[in-house]
Amino acid sequence: MASFSSEDAFQDSSALSLNDVESLHSFRSRSASFSSTGSSGRLQLRQRVAQLMACVEDISSDDEIHEEVSRTLDEAFRIWGKKLKDKWQELRLHLVTWNVGTASPPPDVTSLLQLNSLGPTVDMYVIGLQEVNSRITNFLSDLAFDDPWSIFFMTVLSPLGYIKLSSVRMQGLLLLLFVKHVHLPFIRDIHTHYTRTGLYGYWGNKGGVTVRMSLYGHTVCFMNCHLPAHMENTEQRLDDFEKILEMQFEGENIPSTLDHDLLFCFGDLNFRIADYGIHFVRESINNKRYNLLWEKDQLNMAKKKEAFLQEFIEGPLQFKPTYKFDLYSDVYDTREQKSLFWFNEKKRKPAWTDRILWRVKNLCQHASKEDKFTEEEQTISVTLNNYISHMSYGISDHKPVTGTFGLELKPLLSHPLVTLNPEGEWSAEHDVLISYSAVPELPSSAWDWIGLFKVAFRHVNDYVTYAWVEDDEISSNKDSKQVYMSAAEIPDMGGEFLLCYYSNNLQSIVGISQPFQIQPNRTLIGKDLTQEENSWMQKPDNLESHDEF
């Protein structure tokens, strides 16, 4: 087939008829047929585009077909844009904020984590707790071991294929992140931080804790806050909120919180409903006329005048204020207890103290420039699917709040840094081999290791055994390397496992294998069965002698 250049098209433009241009109507169907013929189809498509360029030169703005050609081109670009969007990474994120009031975990969190939801599977859980029990004995114990809340959520989520990606604790503030295994190789540069604001910055009963990361190449930050209480402390809350935003990762070689592509701020922000009396507030809640209270919500009021808050987005408050409730009840504060000097404590006015806000950096930049934001420039899209409270949980005087989000990310990372798999059939009876290959960009280290994990592992240190990638290497070529593990380190009972490559420089898992089976050690199992048989054979004699008494 002869080649057809754009110059040829311009030379032959006089030979093109109106019918040629109107044939753009069938552009989509023709493109579909071209795709089935591979490179030949693409060549034909290039020829048609060259013809179109020639036609455009001859079409004036007054031409009767100008509008039709423009509309058809818009449709072609829309189809192409949708095809590119189909390659975006879609993630479902479920975020929890809950002031637990020093209580122990409840018996069940199925509804809180939407584990029975019929919708898409959650890819990442972000759980922010406030007022976790931090009495000195509890806190010292939690420093040495995982705290009860972390253990509880790991017990619930690890059998479902989630690993605790990161956590950070500051006295009563706790932030936990869980993620599906499949996303691990695309999450890098994980860092944590905390900022104290209690007692002028010397005490951590109030403040913020943060986890940040690179997620498919985009910088994402999660910040769990507990701000000062009481109606009259609005200015203090705003000052502390701004201070926490400014001080996270200060002095480190990490973007500031507001420089992240996506930032979530949540927690017990402690903003109250101003001006209205307790009876009007309760009556509005009873009648589900929440909108009457929105304009006097201190956070909503602050967003209108505080520049640093105006870039944050929040879902509609279509649920009852989440504070303050009698324990194990959905009834607002009815206490009649005595306080200091035997005066009655004042009943708390209901308030939306527990909130979830988010901020998309590129949206803020375009809003400041007052430019039109085009789909081509958008690399992150955030959709709030629901924003609700959970009234059935009564362990605290706060009700938990959750937000479920759909994230669409244009992947800046499409391949893991390391690909690895077990060599051949694995058995607990002999030494085994691991093959892996790494991309040149991997910042490898002598401290990198490959861990053998049970499929339902809880966190990166929950390995069964591991091998150093350098010390235990047995072969290497330009395409792949092999590392061995000793049979003595392999679990005798076998089972289902997976392999993870941990990068010391990146402080994260950068490669994960598919699950695979390890065959049990038949020799040891045979011995155990023999011992069981012998034990069973002796039981009748024992029973008989017992019956004689």
Foldseek 3Di string as FASTA:
>chain_A
DDADDLVNLLVCLVVDDPVLLVCLVCVVVLLVVLVVVPPVSVRVVVNSVSNVVNPVVVDDPPHPCPVVSVVSVVVVVVVVVVVLLVPWDKAKEKEKAEALQQDADDPDCCVVLVVVPPDDDHFKYKYKYAQHPQDPVQVVVCVVDPHRVLVVVLVVCLVVQWAFFDWDDFRRIIITMIGHPVQFLQKFQWDKDWWAPPPNGPHRNWTKIKIWIQGLNFIEMEIEGDADADAVCLVRLVVRVVVRQAPTCPPHPDDGQLPGQKYKYWYQSHWFQPDDDQVVLVVCVVVQVCVVRQCRGSLSVCCVPPPVNVQKDFDDPSEWQFDFPAFQDLHADPDQAADPPRDGDDGDRGGNRTGMIMGGNVVVVCVVVVHDDDPVPDFKDKDWPDWYWDSRHGSHRGTMIMIMIMMIGSRPDDDFQKEKDWDDAAALPFKTKMKMFGDPPQPADQAKKKFKDASSAHYPPRGLDIWRCPVQWDDDDNGITMGMDGSVSADQCKAKIKMFIAGPVRRGTRYIYDIDTYHHNVVVVVVVVVVVVVVVVCVVVVVVVVVVD
